């Protein structure tokens, strides 16, 4: 299975630096953490993070996740990966700085 991706602010990722897991706010409010396939990342950035600075892209290996992963239809009728629990650090195999100049 290929990697999945999660967009996070630099501040939120730094706040979880010394924790064994990372929990996005959506885990509390929606019951899962939003993730994307690689081809969906640009659309997610455009729809939800257009004016948000200092973003990172977590590269997640689904095989290493300890939480349940489900693919579900989102409001735009696309199938997105949803993580039903915190993201354990071992599953994050890379952290990429999102460069907005590339997307201009």
N, C-alpha and C. Protein backbone atom coordinates (compact mmCIF):
# COMPACT_ATOMS: atom_id res chain seq x y z
N UNK A 1 0.85 -1.19 0.00
CA UNK A 1 0.00 0.00 0.00
C UNK A 1 0.89 1.24 0.00
N UNK A 2 0.51 2.21 -0.81
CA UNK A 2 1.32 3.42 -0.90
C UNK A 2 1.06 4.35 0.28
N UNK A 3 1.84 5.36 0.36
CA UNK A 3 1.72 6.33 1.46
C UNK A 3 0.42 7.11 1.37
N UNK A 4 0.00 7.61 2.53
CA UNK A 4 -1.08 8.58 2.59
C UNK A 4 -0.49 9.83 3.24
N UNK A 5 -1.22 10.93 3.17
CA UNK A 5 -0.66 12.23 3.57
C UNK A 5 -1.64 12.99 4.45
N UNK A 6 -1.06 13.77 5.38
CA UNK A 6 -1.86 14.61 6.27
C UNK A 6 -1.22 15.99 6.33
N UNK A 7 -2.03 17.03 6.11
CA UNK A 7 -1.56 18.41 6.19
C UNK A 7 -1.67 18.88 7.64
N UNK A 8 -0.62 19.50 8.14
CA UNK A 8 -0.60 19.98 9.52
C UNK A 8 0.17 21.30 9.57
N UNK A 9 -0.21 22.17 10.50
CA UNK A 9 0.57 23.40 10.66
C UNK A 9 1.87 23.07 11.38
N UNK A 10 2.88 23.85 11.10
CA UNK A 10 4.17 23.66 11.75
C UNK A 10 4.02 23.72 13.27
N UNK A 11 3.19 24.65 13.74
CA UNK A 11 2.99 24.82 15.19
C UNK A 11 2.33 23.59 15.81
N UNK A 12 1.32 23.03 15.16
CA UNK A 12 0.65 21.84 15.70
C UNK A 12 1.59 20.64 15.75
N UNK A 13 2.40 20.47 14.71
CA UNK A 13 3.33 19.35 14.67
C UNK A 13 4.42 19.54 15.74
N UNK A 14 4.88 20.77 15.91
CA UNK A 14 5.90 21.05 16.94
C UNK A 14 5.34 20.81 18.34
N UNK A 15 4.06 21.12 18.55
CA UNK A 15 3.44 20.92 19.87
C UNK A 15 3.39 19.44 20.24
N UNK A 16 3.37 18.57 19.26
CA UNK A 16 3.31 17.13 19.51
C UNK A 16 4.69 16.47 19.44
N UNK A 17 5.72 17.28 19.37
CA UNK A 17 7.08 16.78 19.13
C UNK A 17 7.52 15.71 20.11
N UNK A 18 7.23 15.88 21.37
CA UNK A 18 7.70 14.92 22.38
C UNK A 18 6.63 13.90 22.76
N UNK A 19 5.59 13.79 21.96
CA UNK A 19 4.51 12.85 22.23
C UNK A 19 4.68 11.60 21.37
N UNK A 20 4.22 10.46 21.84
CA UNK A 20 4.32 9.24 21.02
C UNK A 20 3.33 9.22 19.86
N UNK A 21 2.29 10.08 19.95
CA UNK A 21 1.30 10.15 18.89
C UNK A 21 0.94 11.60 18.60
N UNK A 22 0.32 11.79 17.43
CA UNK A 22 -0.18 13.11 17.03
C UNK A 22 -1.68 13.00 16.85
N UNK A 23 -2.41 13.98 17.39
CA UNK A 23 -3.86 14.02 17.25
C UNK A 23 -4.28 15.34 16.63
N UNK A 24 -4.87 15.29 15.46
CA UNK A 24 -5.42 16.49 14.84
C UNK A 24 -6.72 16.84 15.56
N UNK A 25 -7.11 18.09 15.51
CA UNK A 25 -8.34 18.54 16.15
C UNK A 25 -9.57 17.79 15.66
N UNK A 26 -9.54 17.35 14.41
CA UNK A 26 -10.70 16.65 13.84
C UNK A 26 -10.96 15.31 14.52
N UNK A 27 -9.95 14.77 15.19
CA UNK A 27 -10.17 13.50 15.90
C UNK A 27 -11.20 13.68 17.00
N UNK A 28 -11.16 14.84 17.67
CA UNK A 28 -12.14 15.14 18.72
C UNK A 28 -13.48 15.58 18.15
N UNK A 29 -13.45 16.38 17.10
CA UNK A 29 -14.69 16.95 16.57
C UNK A 29 -15.42 16.04 15.59
N UNK A 30 -14.67 15.22 14.82
CA UNK A 30 -15.30 14.38 13.80
C UNK A 30 -15.07 12.89 14.02
N UNK A 31 -14.18 12.55 14.93
CA UNK A 31 -13.92 11.14 15.23
C UNK A 31 -12.82 10.50 14.40
N UNK A 32 -12.20 11.28 13.51
CA UNK A 32 -11.10 10.75 12.70
C UNK A 32 -10.18 11.89 12.26
N UNK A 33 -9.00 11.51 11.76
CA UNK A 33 -8.04 12.46 11.21
C UNK A 33 -8.10 12.36 9.70
N UNK A 34 -8.25 13.50 9.05
CA UNK A 34 -8.31 13.55 7.59
C UNK A 34 -6.94 13.24 6.99
N UNK A 35 -6.93 12.46 5.94
CA UNK A 35 -5.70 12.19 5.19
C UNK A 35 -6.06 12.20 3.71
N UNK A 36 -5.05 12.09 2.87
CA UNK A 36 -5.25 12.17 1.42
C UNK A 36 -4.31 11.21 0.72
N UNK A 37 -4.67 10.87 -0.51
CA UNK A 37 -3.74 10.23 -1.43
C UNK A 37 -2.89 11.36 -2.01
N UNK A 38 -1.76 11.04 -2.61
CA UNK A 38 -0.87 12.08 -3.14
C UNK A 38 -1.58 13.00 -4.13
N UNK A 39 -2.36 12.45 -5.01
CA UNK A 39 -3.05 13.24 -6.02
C UNK A 39 -4.16 14.13 -5.48
N UNK A 40 -4.54 13.93 -4.22
CA UNK A 40 -5.60 14.74 -3.62
C UNK A 40 -5.06 15.91 -2.81
N UNK A 41 -3.77 15.93 -2.53
CA UNK A 41 -3.18 16.94 -1.64
C UNK A 41 -3.38 18.36 -2.17
N UNK A 42 -3.14 18.59 -3.45
CA UNK A 42 -3.27 19.94 -4.02
C UNK A 42 -4.69 20.47 -3.84
N UNK A 43 -5.68 19.64 -4.07
CA UNK A 43 -7.07 20.06 -3.90
C UNK A 43 -7.41 20.37 -2.46
N UNK A 44 -6.89 19.58 -1.54
CA UNK A 44 -7.11 19.82 -0.11
C UNK A 44 -6.49 21.16 0.30
N UNK A 45 -5.28 21.41 -0.18
CA UNK A 45 -4.62 22.68 0.13
C UNK A 45 -5.43 23.85 -0.41
N UNK A 46 -5.93 23.71 -1.61
CA UNK A 46 -6.70 24.78 -2.25
C UNK A 46 -8.02 25.03 -1.51
N UNK A 47 -8.71 23.96 -1.13
CA UNK A 47 -10.02 24.10 -0.48
C UNK A 47 -9.95 24.54 0.97
N UNK A 48 -8.99 24.01 1.73
CA UNK A 48 -9.03 24.20 3.19
C UNK A 48 -7.86 24.98 3.78
N UNK A 49 -6.78 25.16 3.02
CA UNK A 49 -5.58 25.78 3.59
C UNK A 49 -5.07 26.93 2.74
N UNK A 50 -5.94 27.51 1.94
CA UNK A 50 -5.52 28.55 0.97
C UNK A 50 -4.75 29.70 1.62
N UNK A 51 -5.19 30.16 2.77
CA UNK A 51 -4.55 31.29 3.43
C UNK A 51 -3.85 30.91 4.73
N UNK A 52 -3.50 29.64 4.86
CA UNK A 52 -2.83 29.17 6.08
C UNK A 52 -1.33 29.06 5.80
N UNK A 53 -0.52 29.79 6.56
CA UNK A 53 0.93 29.73 6.35
C UNK A 53 1.56 28.57 7.13
N UNK A 54 2.81 28.30 6.84
CA UNK A 54 3.64 27.36 7.60
C UNK A 54 3.01 25.98 7.74
N UNK A 55 2.85 25.32 6.61
CA UNK A 55 2.25 23.99 6.60
C UNK A 55 3.29 22.92 6.32
N UNK A 56 3.02 21.75 6.87
CA UNK A 56 3.84 20.57 6.64
C UNK A 56 2.95 19.47 6.07
N UNK A 57 3.57 18.55 5.35
CA UNK A 57 2.87 17.39 4.83
C UNK A 57 3.49 16.15 5.46
N UNK A 58 2.70 15.46 6.27
CA UNK A 58 3.17 14.22 6.88
C UNK A 58 3.00 13.09 5.88
N UNK A 59 4.06 12.34 5.66
CA UNK A 59 4.00 11.14 4.81
C UNK A 59 3.78 9.97 5.77
N UNK A 60 2.69 9.27 5.58
CA UNK A 60 2.31 8.21 6.52
C UNK A 60 2.31 6.86 5.81
N UNK A 61 2.95 5.88 6.44
CA UNK A 61 2.94 4.51 5.94
C UNK A 61 1.75 3.80 6.58
N UNK A 62 0.70 3.52 5.81
CA UNK A 62 -0.50 2.90 6.39
C UNK A 62 -0.23 1.58 7.10
N UNK A 63 0.78 0.84 6.65
CA UNK A 63 1.09 -0.46 7.26
C UNK A 63 1.62 -0.29 8.68
N UNK A 64 2.12 0.89 9.01
CA UNK A 64 2.68 1.13 10.34
C UNK A 64 1.69 1.80 11.29
N UNK A 65 0.53 2.20 10.79
CA UNK A 65 -0.48 2.84 11.65
C UNK A 65 -1.01 1.85 12.69
N UNK A 66 -1.17 2.32 13.91
CA UNK A 66 -1.80 1.49 14.93
C UNK A 66 -3.30 1.75 15.00
N UNK A 67 -3.76 2.88 14.46
CA UNK A 67 -5.18 3.22 14.43
C UNK A 67 -5.80 2.66 13.15
N UNK A 68 -7.11 2.50 13.18
CA UNK A 68 -7.83 1.99 12.02
C UNK A 68 -7.83 3.01 10.89
N UNK A 69 -7.65 2.52 9.68
CA UNK A 69 -7.68 3.36 8.48
C UNK A 69 -8.87 2.91 7.63
N UNK A 70 -9.72 3.87 7.27
CA UNK A 70 -10.88 3.58 6.41
C UNK A 70 -10.89 4.57 5.25
N UNK A 71 -11.23 4.08 4.08
CA UNK A 71 -11.46 4.96 2.93
C UNK A 71 -12.95 5.24 2.86
N UNK A 72 -13.29 6.53 2.88
CA UNK A 72 -14.69 6.92 2.90
C UNK A 72 -14.95 8.05 1.92
N UNK A 73 -16.17 8.13 1.43
CA UNK A 73 -16.55 9.17 0.49
C UNK A 73 -16.69 10.50 1.24
N UNK A 74 -16.03 11.52 0.72
CA UNK A 74 -16.09 12.87 1.31
C UNK A 74 -17.19 13.67 0.64
N UNK A 75 -17.35 14.90 1.08
CA UNK A 75 -18.41 15.77 0.57
C UNK A 75 -18.28 16.05 -0.93
N UNK A 76 -17.07 15.90 -1.50
CA UNK A 76 -16.88 16.12 -2.94
C UNK A 76 -16.99 14.81 -3.73
N UNK A 77 -17.50 13.76 -3.07
CA UNK A 77 -17.69 12.44 -3.67
C UNK A 77 -16.41 11.71 -4.02
N UNK A 78 -15.27 12.17 -3.50
CA UNK A 78 -14.01 11.45 -3.66
C UNK A 78 -13.80 10.53 -2.46
N UNK A 79 -13.09 9.44 -2.68
CA UNK A 79 -12.74 8.53 -1.60
C UNK A 79 -11.47 9.04 -0.93
N UNK A 80 -11.54 9.30 0.38
CA UNK A 80 -10.39 9.79 1.14
C UNK A 80 -10.06 8.83 2.27
N UNK A 81 -8.77 8.71 2.62
CA UNK A 81 -8.40 7.92 3.79
C UNK A 81 -8.67 8.70 5.08
N UNK A 82 -9.31 8.04 6.03
CA UNK A 82 -9.58 8.62 7.34
C UNK A 82 -8.95 7.73 8.41
N UNK A 83 -8.25 8.35 9.35
CA UNK A 83 -7.55 7.62 10.40
C UNK A 83 -8.35 7.75 11.68
N UNK A 84 -8.86 6.62 12.18
CA UNK A 84 -9.74 6.61 13.36
C UNK A 84 -8.95 6.39 14.64
N UNK A 85 -8.12 7.36 14.96
CA UNK A 85 -7.31 7.34 16.17
C UNK A 85 -6.09 8.21 15.95
N UNK A 86 -5.27 8.35 16.98
CA UNK A 86 -4.07 9.16 16.83
C UNK A 86 -3.07 8.53 15.86
N UNK A 87 -2.24 9.37 15.27
CA UNK A 87 -1.19 8.89 14.37
C UNK A 87 0.05 8.61 15.21
N UNK A 88 0.45 7.35 15.25
CA UNK A 88 1.67 6.99 15.98
C UNK A 88 2.90 7.44 15.20
N UNK A 89 3.90 7.91 15.92
CA UNK A 89 5.11 8.49 15.30
C UNK A 89 5.79 7.54 14.32
N UNK A 90 5.77 6.25 14.62
CA UNK A 90 6.45 5.29 13.75
C UNK A 90 5.83 5.26 12.35
N UNK A 91 4.56 5.64 12.23
CA UNK A 91 3.89 5.62 10.93
C UNK A 91 4.27 6.81 10.06
N UNK A 92 4.79 7.87 10.67
CA UNK A 92 5.20 9.06 9.92
C UNK A 92 6.62 8.83 9.41
N UNK A 93 6.72 8.56 8.12
CA UNK A 93 8.02 8.19 7.54
C UNK A 93 8.77 9.37 6.94
N UNK A 94 8.07 10.50 6.77
CA UNK A 94 8.73 11.70 6.26
C UNK A 94 7.85 12.90 6.58
N UNK A 95 8.49 14.05 6.73
CA UNK A 95 7.78 15.31 6.95
C UNK A 95 8.31 16.31 5.94
N UNK A 96 7.43 16.81 5.10
CA UNK A 96 7.80 17.70 4.01
C UNK A 96 7.24 19.09 4.25
N UNK A 97 8.06 20.11 4.06
CA UNK A 97 7.58 21.48 4.13
C UNK A 97 6.82 21.79 2.85
N UNK A 98 5.63 22.33 2.99
CA UNK A 98 4.83 22.68 1.82
C UNK A 98 5.27 24.04 1.32
N UNK A 99 5.78 24.05 0.10
CA UNK A 99 6.27 25.27 -0.53
C UNK A 99 5.17 25.83 -1.43
N UNK A 100 4.52 26.90 -0.99
CA UNK A 100 3.41 27.48 -1.75
C UNK A 100 3.85 28.12 -3.06
N UNK A 101 5.13 28.44 -3.20
CA UNK A 101 5.58 29.05 -4.44
C UNK A 101 5.50 28.07 -5.60
N UNK A 102 5.61 26.76 -5.30
CA UNK A 102 5.52 25.74 -6.34
C UNK A 102 4.12 25.65 -6.89
N UNK A 103 3.12 26.03 -6.08
CA UNK A 103 1.73 25.87 -6.47
C UNK A 103 1.13 27.12 -7.07
N UNK A 104 1.92 28.18 -7.15
CA UNK A 104 1.40 29.44 -7.69
C UNK A 104 1.34 29.38 -9.20
